[in-house]
Amino acid sequence: MNPELIIEQKINAAIKNKIILNHKYLDDEQLSIDEQSDVLKSIFDKEIRDKEINDILNHFTPIFTGGHPISLSVVGKTGVGKSVSI
């Protein structure tokens, strides 16, 4: 198969399956006040964060019961909500 055709197919597949639907959401200065408000509402939505909050609480529970904390590493891309979750 033609290498140029393979590359074109891969590019088209990447465009079709893109993760970031709207790049302006990566920079909050590009958002209107209403859009910024919508983003903050989704970040602080209890339903969205319940699992993450429970996982983090499970790591810190030993501290409150007199035990030793479990090591915790929070990894992720910029803007996914690591700091907000912690």
PDB file of N, CA and C in Angstrom:
ATOM      1  N   MET A   1       0.846  -1.178   0.000  1.00  0.00           N
ATOM      2  CA  MET A   1       0.000   0.000   0.000  1.00  0.00           C
ATOM      3  C   MET A   1       0.889   1.238   0.000  1.00  0.00           C
ATOM      4  N   ASN A   2       0.427   2.269  -0.624  1.00  0.00           N
ATOM      5  CA  ASN A   2       1.150   3.520  -0.761  1.00  0.00           C
ATOM      6  C   ASN A   2       1.350   4.172   0.620  1.00  0.00           C
ATOM      7  N   PRO A   3       2.609   4.477   1.006  1.00  0.00           N
ATOM      8  CA  PRO A   3       2.865   5.091   2.322  1.00  0.00           C
ATOM      9  C   PRO A   3       2.114   6.404   2.527  1.00  0.00           C
ATOM     10  N   GLU A   4       1.965   7.202   1.485  1.00  0.00           N
ATOM     11  CA  GLU A   4       1.243   8.467   1.605  1.00  0.00           C
ATOM     12  C   GLU A   4      -0.227   8.221   1.918  1.00  0.00           C
ATOM     13  N   LEU A   5      -0.795   7.182   1.339  1.00  0.00           N
ATOM     14  CA  LEU A   5      -2.188   6.835   1.597  1.00  0.00           C
ATOM     15  C   LEU A   5      -2.366   6.350   3.041  1.00  0.00           C
ATOM     16  N   ILE A   6      -1.393   5.572   3.530  1.00  0.00           N
ATOM     17  CA  ILE A   6      -1.437   5.094   4.914  1.00  0.00           C
ATOM     18  C   ILE A   6      -1.407   6.280   5.879  1.00  0.00           C
ATOM     19  N   ILE A   7      -0.507   7.230   5.620  1.00  0.00           N
ATOM     20  CA  ILE A   7      -0.396   8.414   6.473  1.00  0.00           C
ATOM     21  C   ILE A   7      -1.697   9.208   6.439  1.00  0.00           C
ATOM     22  N   GLU A   8      -2.253   9.389   5.252  1.00  0.00           N
ATOM     23  CA  GLU A   8      -3.509  10.130   5.125  1.00  0.00           C
ATOM     24  C   GLU A   8      -4.640   9.439   5.884  1.00  0.00           C
ATOM     25  N   GLN A   9      -4.695   8.110   5.818  1.00  0.00           N
ATOM     26  CA  GLN A   9      -5.719   7.362   6.545  1.00  0.00           C
ATOM     27  C   GLN A   9      -5.554   7.526   8.058  1.00  0.00           C
ATOM     28  N   LYS A  10      -4.312   7.496   8.538  1.00  0.00           N
ATOM     29  CA  LYS A  10      -4.051   7.668   9.969  1.00  0.00           C
ATOM     30  C   LYS A  10      -4.445   9.066  10.430  1.00  0.00           C
ATOM     31  N   ILE A  11      -4.142  10.070   9.626  1.00  0.00           N
ATOM     32  CA  ILE A  11      -4.517  11.447   9.969  1.00  0.00           C
ATOM     33  C   ILE A  11      -6.038  11.580  10.021  1.00  0.00           C
ATOM     34  N   ASN A  12      -6.711  11.029   9.029  1.00  0.00           N
ATOM     35  CA  ASN A  12      -8.177  11.094   9.012  1.00  0.00           C
ATOM     36  C   ASN A  12      -8.792  10.358  10.194  1.00  0.00           C
ATOM     37  N   ALA A  13      -8.219   9.229  10.576  1.00  0.00           N
ATOM     38  CA  ALA A  13      -8.714   8.485  11.734  1.00  0.00           C
ATOM     39  C   ALA A  13      -8.502   9.291  13.014  1.00  0.00           C
ATOM     40  N   ALA A  14      -7.351   9.967  13.127  1.00  0.00           N
ATOM     41  CA  ALA A  14      -7.066  10.791  14.313  1.00  0.00           C
ATOM     42  C   ALA A  14      -8.034  11.967  14.396  1.00  0.00           C
ATOM     43  N   ILE A  15      -8.340  12.568  13.266  1.00  0.00           N
ATOM     44  CA  ILE A  15      -9.287  13.690  13.251  1.00  0.00           C
ATOM     45  C   ILE A  15     -10.679  13.202  13.638  1.00  0.00           C
ATOM     46  N   LYS A  16     -11.058  12.046  13.134  1.00  0.00           N
ATOM     47  CA  LYS A  16     -12.383  11.493  13.420  1.00  0.00           C
ATOM     48  C   LYS A  16     -12.526  11.125  14.898  1.00  0.00           C
ATOM     49  N   ASN A  17     -11.452  10.655  15.520  1.00  0.00           N
ATOM     50  CA  ASN A  17     -11.484  10.182  16.906  1.00  0.00           C
ATOM     51  C   ASN A  17     -10.811  11.145  17.869  1.00  0.00           C
ATOM     52  N   LYS A  18     -10.845  12.429  17.571  1.00  0.00           N
ATOM     53  CA  LYS A  18     -10.142  13.394  18.417  1.00  0.00           C
ATOM     54  C   LYS A  18     -10.751  13.467  19.817  1.00  0.00           C
ATOM     55  N   ILE A  19      -9.883  13.719  20.789  1.00  0.00           N
ATOM     56  CA  ILE A  19     -10.295  13.805  22.181  1.00  0.00           C
ATOM     57  C   ILE A  19     -10.799  15.213  22.489  1.00  0.00           C
ATOM     58  N   ILE A  20     -10.100  16.213  22.011  1.00  0.00           N
ATOM     59  CA  ILE A  20     -10.457  17.598  22.289  1.00  0.00           C
ATOM     60  C   ILE A  20     -11.405  18.064  21.188  1.00  0.00           C
ATOM     61  N   LEU A  21     -12.651  18.291  21.553  1.00  0.00           N
ATOM     62  CA  LEU A  21     -13.647  18.684  20.573  1.00  0.00           C
ATOM     63  C   LEU A  21     -13.585  20.169  20.259  1.00  0.00           C
ATOM     64  N   ASN A  22     -13.199  20.981  21.253  1.00  0.00           N
ATOM     65  CA  ASN A  22     -13.142  22.420  21.054  1.00  0.00           C
ATOM     66  C   ASN A  22     -11.902  22.952  21.768  1.00  0.00           C
ATOM     67  N   HIS A  23     -10.907  23.350  20.999  1.00  0.00           N
ATOM     68  CA  HIS A  23      -9.616  23.759  21.567  1.00  0.00           C
ATOM     69  C   HIS A  23      -9.692  25.021  22.420  1.00  0.00           C
ATOM     70  N   LYS A  24     -10.707  25.842  22.253  1.00  0.00           N
ATOM     71  CA  LYS A  24     -10.766  27.059  23.055  1.00  0.00           C
ATOM     72  C   LYS A  24     -10.986  26.736  24.532  1.00  0.00           C
ATOM     73  N   TYR A  25     -11.469  25.532  24.856  1.00  0.00           N
ATOM     74  CA  TYR A  25     -11.663  25.147  26.254  1.00  0.00           C
ATOM     75  C   TYR A  25     -10.339  24.843  26.956  1.00  0.00           C
ATOM     76  N   LEU A  26      -9.250  24.780  26.214  1.00  0.00           N
ATOM     77  CA  LEU A  26      -7.931  24.575  26.816  1.00  0.00           C
ATOM     78  C   LEU A  26      -7.357  25.881  27.362  1.00  0.00           C
ATOM     79  N   ASP A  27      -7.915  27.001  26.961  1.00  0.00           N
ATOM     80  CA  ASP A  27      -7.462  28.312  27.424  1.00  0.00           C
ATOM     81  C   ASP A  27      -8.686  29.109  27.840  1.00  0.00           C
ATOM     82  N   ASP A  28      -8.894  29.241  29.140  1.00  0.00           N
ATOM     83  CA  ASP A  28     -10.128  29.867  29.620  1.00  0.00           C
ATOM     84  C   ASP A  28     -10.276  31.324  29.196  1.00  0.00           C
ATOM     85  N   GLU A  29      -9.194  31.961  28.775  1.00  0.00           N
ATOM     86  CA  GLU A  29      -9.301  33.347  28.308  1.00  0.00           C
ATOM     87  C   GLU A  29     -10.031  33.434  26.975  1.00  0.00           C
ATOM     88  N   GLN A  30     -10.154  32.323  26.267  1.00  0.00           N
ATOM     89  CA  GLN A  30     -10.863  32.303  24.995  1.00  0.00           C
ATOM     90  C   GLN A  30     -12.364  32.057  25.182  1.00  0.00           C
ATOM     91  N   LEU A  31     -12.772  31.768  26.413  1.00  0.00           N
ATOM     92  CA  LEU A  31     -14.166  31.451  26.682  1.00  0.00           C
ATOM     93  C   LEU A  31     -14.937  32.679  27.141  1.00  0.00           C
ATOM     94  N   SER A  32     -16.216  32.692  26.808  1.00  0.00           N
ATOM     95  CA  SER A  32     -17.079  33.750  27.325  1.00  0.00           C
ATOM     96  C   SER A  32     -17.327  33.486  28.810  1.00  0.00           C
ATOM     97  N   ILE A  33     -17.877  34.445  29.507  1.00  0.00           N
ATOM     98  CA  ILE A  33     -18.184  34.288  30.938  1.00  0.00           C
ATOM     99  C   ILE A  33     -19.143  33.114  31.139  1.00  0.00           C
ATOM    100  N   ASP A  34     -20.151  32.980  30.276  1.00  0.00           N
ATOM    101  CA  ASP A  34     -21.105  31.877  30.399  1.00  0.00           C
ATOM    102  C   ASP A  34     -20.425  30.524  30.206  1.00  0.00           C
ATOM    103  N   GLU A  35     -19.522  30.452  29.228  1.00  0.00           N
ATOM    104  CA  GLU A  35     -18.803  29.198  28.996  1.00  0.00           C
ATOM    105  C   GLU A  35     -17.888  28.867  30.171  1.00  0.00           C
ATOM    106  N   GLN A  36     -17.228  29.879  30.739  1.00  0.00           N
ATOM    107  CA  GLN A  36     -16.382  29.655  31.903  1.00  0.00           C
ATOM    108  C   GLN A  36     -17.215  29.131  33.069  1.00  0.00           C
ATOM    109  N   SER A  37     -18.389  29.700  33.247  1.00  0.00           N
ATOM    110  CA  SER A  37     -19.292  29.261  34.310  1.00  0.00           C
ATOM    111  C   SER A  37     -19.717  27.808  34.098  1.00  0.00           C
ATOM    112  N   ASP A  38     -20.032  27.439  32.867  1.00  0.00           N
ATOM    113  CA  ASP A  38     -20.422  26.059  32.561  1.00  0.00           C
ATOM    114  C   ASP A  38     -19.289  25.080  32.870  1.00  0.00           C
ATOM    115  N   VAL A  39     -18.064  25.467  32.534  1.00  0.00           N
ATOM    116  CA  VAL A  39     -16.908  24.605  32.808  1.00  0.00           C
ATOM    117  C   VAL A  39     -16.745  24.411  34.309  1.00  0.00           C
ATOM    118  N   LEU A  40     -16.826  25.493  35.064  1.00  0.00           N
ATOM    119  CA  LEU A  40     -16.676  25.394  36.523  1.00  0.00           C
ATOM    120  C   LEU A  40     -17.784  24.552  37.147  1.00  0.00           C
ATOM    121  N   LYS A  41     -19.005  24.688  36.647  1.00  0.00           N
ATOM    122  CA  LYS A  41     -20.108  23.868  37.158  1.00  0.00           C
ATOM    123  C   LYS A  41     -19.831  22.390  36.927  1.00  0.00           C
ATOM    124  N   SER A  42     -19.297  22.043  35.752  1.00  0.00           N
ATOM    125  CA  SER A  42     -19.016  20.625  35.480  1.00  0.00           C
ATOM    126  C   SER A  42     -17.839  20.123  36.314  1.00  0.00           C
ATOM    127  N   ILE A  43     -16.845  20.984  36.572  1.00  0.00           N
ATOM    128  CA  ILE A  43     -15.700  20.580  37.384  1.00  0.00           C
ATOM    129  C   ILE A  43     -16.131  20.287  38.820  1.00  0.00           C
ATOM    130  N   PHE A  44     -17.015  21.118  39.356  1.00  0.00           N
ATOM    131  CA  PHE A  44     -17.430  20.956  40.741  1.00  0.00           C
ATOM    132  C   PHE A  44     -18.694  20.119  40.910  1.00  0.00           C
ATOM    133  N   ASP A  45     -19.175  19.508  39.819  1.00  0.00           N
ATOM    134  CA  ASP A  45     -20.363  18.659  39.879  1.00  0.00           C
ATOM    135  C   ASP A  45     -20.054  17.406  40.689  1.00  0.00           C
ATOM    136  N   LYS A  46     -20.795  17.211  41.775  1.00  0.00           N
ATOM    137  CA  LYS A  46     -20.548  16.086  42.679  1.00  0.00           C
ATOM    138  C   LYS A  46     -20.657  14.741  41.969  1.00  0.00           C
ATOM    139  N   GLU A  47     -21.586  14.618  41.056  1.00  0.00           N
ATOM    140  CA  GLU A  47     -21.774  13.351  40.343  1.00  0.00           C
ATOM    141  C   GLU A  47     -20.541  12.991  39.516  1.00  0.00           C
ATOM    142  N   ILE A  48     -19.917  14.002  38.934  1.00  0.00           N
ATOM    143  CA  ILE A  48     -18.751  13.764  38.083  1.00  0.00           C
ATOM    144  C   ILE A  48     -17.533  13.385  38.927  1.00  0.00           C
ATOM    145  N   ARG A  49     -17.369  13.992  40.089  1.00  0.00           N
ATOM    146  CA  ARG A  49     -16.162  13.821  40.891  1.00  0.00           C
ATOM    147  C   ARG A  49     -16.263  12.778  41.999  1.00  0.00           C
ATOM    148  N   ASP A  50     -17.424  12.165  42.208  1.00  0.00           N
ATOM    149  CA  ASP A  50     -17.594  11.227  43.330  1.00  0.00           C
ATOM    150  C   ASP A  50     -16.543  10.127  43.371  1.00  0.00           C
ATOM    151  N   LYS A  51     -16.303   9.463  42.254  1.00  0.00           N
ATOM    152  CA  LYS A  51     -15.342   8.356  42.245  1.00  0.00           C
ATOM    153  C   LYS A  51     -13.941   8.851  42.591  1.00  0.00           C
ATOM    154  N   GLU A  52     -13.529   9.959  41.977  1.00  0.00           N
ATOM    155  CA  GLU A  52     -12.194  10.490  42.246  1.00  0.00           C
ATOM    156  C   GLU A  52     -12.053  10.902  43.711  1.00  0.00           C
ATOM    157  N   ILE A  53     -13.075  11.546  44.250  1.00  0.00           N
ATOM    158  CA  ILE A  53     -13.034  11.980  45.647  1.00  0.00           C
ATOM    159  C   ILE A  53     -12.938  10.776  46.577  1.00  0.00           C
ATOM    160  N   ASN A  54     -13.710   9.731  46.311  1.00  0.00           N
ATOM    161  CA  ASN A  54     -13.658   8.528  47.143  1.00  0.00           C
ATOM    162  C   ASN A  54     -12.287   7.858  47.090  1.00  0.00           C
ATOM    163  N   ASP A  55     -11.696   7.796  45.905  1.00  0.00           N
ATOM    164  CA  ASP A  55     -10.355   7.208  45.784  1.00  0.00           C
ATOM    165  C   ASP A  55      -9.333   7.988  46.603  1.00  0.00           C
ATOM    166  N   ILE A  56      -9.398   9.307  46.537  1.00  0.00           N
ATOM    167  CA  ILE A  56      -8.464  10.144  47.284  1.00  0.00           C
ATOM    168  C   ILE A  56      -8.700  10.003  48.790  1.00  0.00           C
ATOM    169  N   LEU A  57      -9.968  10.005  49.199  1.00  0.00           N
ATOM    170  CA  LEU A  57     -10.287   9.849  50.619  1.00  0.00           C
ATOM    171  C   LEU A  57      -9.769   8.521  51.165  1.00  0.00           C
ATOM    172  N   ASN A  58      -9.855   7.462  50.378  1.00  0.00           N
ATOM    173  CA  ASN A  58      -9.347   6.163  50.811  1.00  0.00           C
ATOM    174  C   ASN A  58      -7.847   6.210  51.088  1.00  0.00           C
ATOM    175  N   HIS A  59      -7.130   7.038  50.349  1.00  0.00           N
ATOM    176  CA  HIS A  59      -5.696   7.169  50.587  1.00  0.00           C
ATOM    177  C   HIS A  59      -5.393   7.939  51.867  1.00  0.00           C
ATOM    178  N   PHE A  60      -6.232   8.918  52.204  1.00  0.00           N
ATOM    179  CA  PHE A  60      -5.971   9.753  53.372  1.00  0.00           C
ATOM    180  C   PHE A  60      -6.623   9.249  54.658  1.00  0.00           C
ATOM    181  N   THR A  61      -7.507   8.289  54.574  1.00  0.00           N
ATOM    182  CA  THR A  61      -8.207   7.776  55.746  1.00  0.00           C
ATOM    183  C   THR A  61      -7.264   7.323  56.861  1.00  0.00           C
ATOM    184  N   PRO A  62      -6.172   6.616  56.569  1.00  0.00           N
ATOM    185  CA  PRO A  62      -5.280   6.187  57.657  1.00  0.00           C
ATOM    186  C   PRO A  62      -4.744   7.341  58.507  1.00  0.00           C
ATOM    187  N   ILE A  63      -4.571   8.504  57.936  1.00  0.00           N
ATOM    188  CA  ILE A  63      -4.068   9.652  58.689  1.00  0.00           C
ATOM    189  C   ILE A  63      -5.042  10.007  59.810  1.00  0.00           C
ATOM    190  N   PHE A  64      -6.332   9.947  59.521  1.00  0.00           N
ATOM    191  CA  PHE A  64      -7.346  10.341  60.492  1.00  0.00           C
ATOM    192  C   PHE A  64      -7.605   9.277  61.541  1.00  0.00           C
ATOM    193  N   THR A  65      -7.106   8.075  61.315  1.00  0.00           N
ATOM    194  CA  THR A  65      -7.299   6.993  62.293  1.00  0.00           C
ATOM    195  C   THR A  65      -5.998   6.661  63.014  1.00  0.00           C
ATOM    196  N   GLY A  66      -4.996   7.546  62.882  1.00  0.00           N
ATOM    197  CA  GLY A  66      -3.735   7.363  63.588  1.00  0.00           C
ATOM    198  C   GLY A  66      -2.731   6.494  62.856  1.00  0.00           C
ATOM    199  N   GLY A  67      -3.027   6.098  61.638  1.00  0.00           N
ATOM    200  CA  GLY A  67      -2.107   5.260  60.870  1.00  0.00           C
ATOM    201  C   GLY A  67      -1.200   6.087  59.979  1.00  0.00           C
ATOM    202  N   HIS A  68      -0.495   5.390  59.122  1.00  0.00           N
ATOM    203  CA  HIS A  68       0.406   6.047  58.177  1.00  0.00           C
ATOM    204  C   HIS A  68      -0.289   6.194  56.838  1.00  0.00           C
ATOM    205  N   PRO A  69      -0.086   7.328  56.191  1.00  0.00           N
ATOM    206  CA  PRO A  69      -0.750   7.531  54.898  1.00  0.00           C
ATOM    207  C   PRO A  69      -0.159   6.624  53.820  1.00  0.00           C
ATOM    208  N   ILE A  70      -0.998   6.295  52.876  1.00  0.00           N
ATOM    209  CA  ILE A  70      -0.557   5.547  51.703  1.00  0.00           C
ATOM    210  C   ILE A  70      -0.002   6.566  50.712  1.00  0.00           C
ATOM    211  N   SER A  71       1.033   6.185  50.001  1.00  0.00           N
ATOM    212  CA  SER A  71       1.604   7.068  48.996  1.00  0.00           C
ATOM    213  C   SER A  71       0.562   7.340  47.912  1.00  0.00           C
ATOM    214  N   LEU A  72       0.497   8.570  47.447  1.00  0.00           N
ATOM    215  CA  LEU A  72      -0.479   8.954  46.430  1.00  0.00           C
ATOM    216  C   LEU A  72       0.226   9.721  45.337  1.00  0.00           C
ATOM    217  N   SER A  73       0.025   9.293  44.114  1.00  0.00           N
ATOM    218  CA  SER A  73       0.568   9.990  42.962  1.00  0.00           C
ATOM    219  C   SER A  73      -0.596  10.341  42.043  1.00  0.00           C
ATOM    220  N   VAL A  74      -0.748  11.617  41.751  1.00  0.00           N
ATOM    221  CA  VAL A  74      -1.824  12.063  40.877  1.00  0.00           C
ATOM    222  C   VAL A  74      -1.193  12.510  39.566  1.00  0.00           C
ATOM    223  N   VAL A  75      -1.534  11.818  38.498  1.00  0.00           N
ATOM    224  CA  VAL A  75      -0.919  12.060  37.205  1.00  0.00           C
ATOM    225  C   VAL A  75      -2.005  12.335  36.178  1.00  0.00           C
ATOM    226  N   GLY A  76      -1.763  13.266  35.289  1.00  0.00           N
ATOM    227  CA  GLY A  76      -2.708  13.552  34.218  1.00  0.00           C
ATOM    228  C   GLY A  76      -2.277  14.764  33.427  1.00  0.00           C
ATOM    229  N   LYS A  77      -2.921  14.953  32.307  1.00  0.00           N
ATOM    230  CA  LYS A  77      -2.595  16.087  31.456  1.00  0.00           C
ATOM    231  C   LYS A  77      -3.054  17.388  32.102  1.00  0.00           C
ATOM    232  N   THR A  78      -2.496  18.473  31.627  1.00  0.00           N
ATOM    233  CA  THR A  78      -2.860  19.793  32.099  1.00  0.00           C
ATOM    234  C   THR A  78      -4.338  20.046  31.850  1.00  0.00           C
ATOM    235  N   GLY A  79      -5.026  20.540  32.893  1.00  0.00           N
ATOM    236  CA  GLY A  79      -6.414  20.935  32.729  1.00  0.00           C
ATOM    237  C   GLY A  79      -7.452  19.861  32.971  1.00  0.00           C
ATOM    238  N   VAL A  80      -7.042  18.684  33.446  1.00  0.00           N
ATOM    239  CA  VAL A  80      -8.029  17.617  33.650  1.00  0.00           C
ATOM    240  C   VAL A  80      -8.653  17.643  35.045  1.00  0.00           C
ATOM    241  N   GLY A  81      -8.162  18.494  35.934  1.00  0.00           N
ATOM    242  CA  GLY A  81      -8.788  18.646  37.247  1.00  0.00           C
ATOM    243  C   GLY A  81      -8.068  17.981  38.403  1.00  0.00           C
ATOM    244  N   LYS A  82      -6.753  17.744  38.258  1.00  0.00           N
ATOM    245  CA  LYS A  82      -5.990  17.110  39.350  1.00  0.00           C
ATOM    246  C   LYS A  82      -6.017  17.970  40.613  1.00  0.00           C
ATOM    247  N   SER A  83      -5.710  19.246  40.483  1.00  0.00           N
ATOM    248  CA  SER A  83      -5.653  20.132  41.649  1.00  0.00           C
ATOM    249  C   SER A  83      -7.023  20.310  42.273  1.00  0.00           C
ATOM    250  N   VAL A  84      -8.042  20.432  41.462  1.00  0.00           N
ATOM    251  CA  VAL A  84      -9.388  20.585  41.981  1.00  0.00           C
ATOM    252  C   VAL A  84      -9.793  19.337  42.757  1.00  0.00           C
ATOM    253  N   SER A  85      -9.441  18.170  42.235  1.00  0.00           N
ATOM    254  CA  SER A  85      -9.793  16.919  42.900  1.00  0.00           C
ATOM    255  C   SER A  85      -9.106  16.794  44.247  1.00  0.00           C
ATOM    256  N   ILE A  86      -7.818  17.135  44.303  1.00  0.00           N
ATOM    257  CA  ILE A  86      -7.076  17.050  45.558  1.00  0.00           C
ATOM    258  C   ILE A  86      -7.576  18.100  46.505  1.00  0.00           C
TER     259      ILE A  86
END
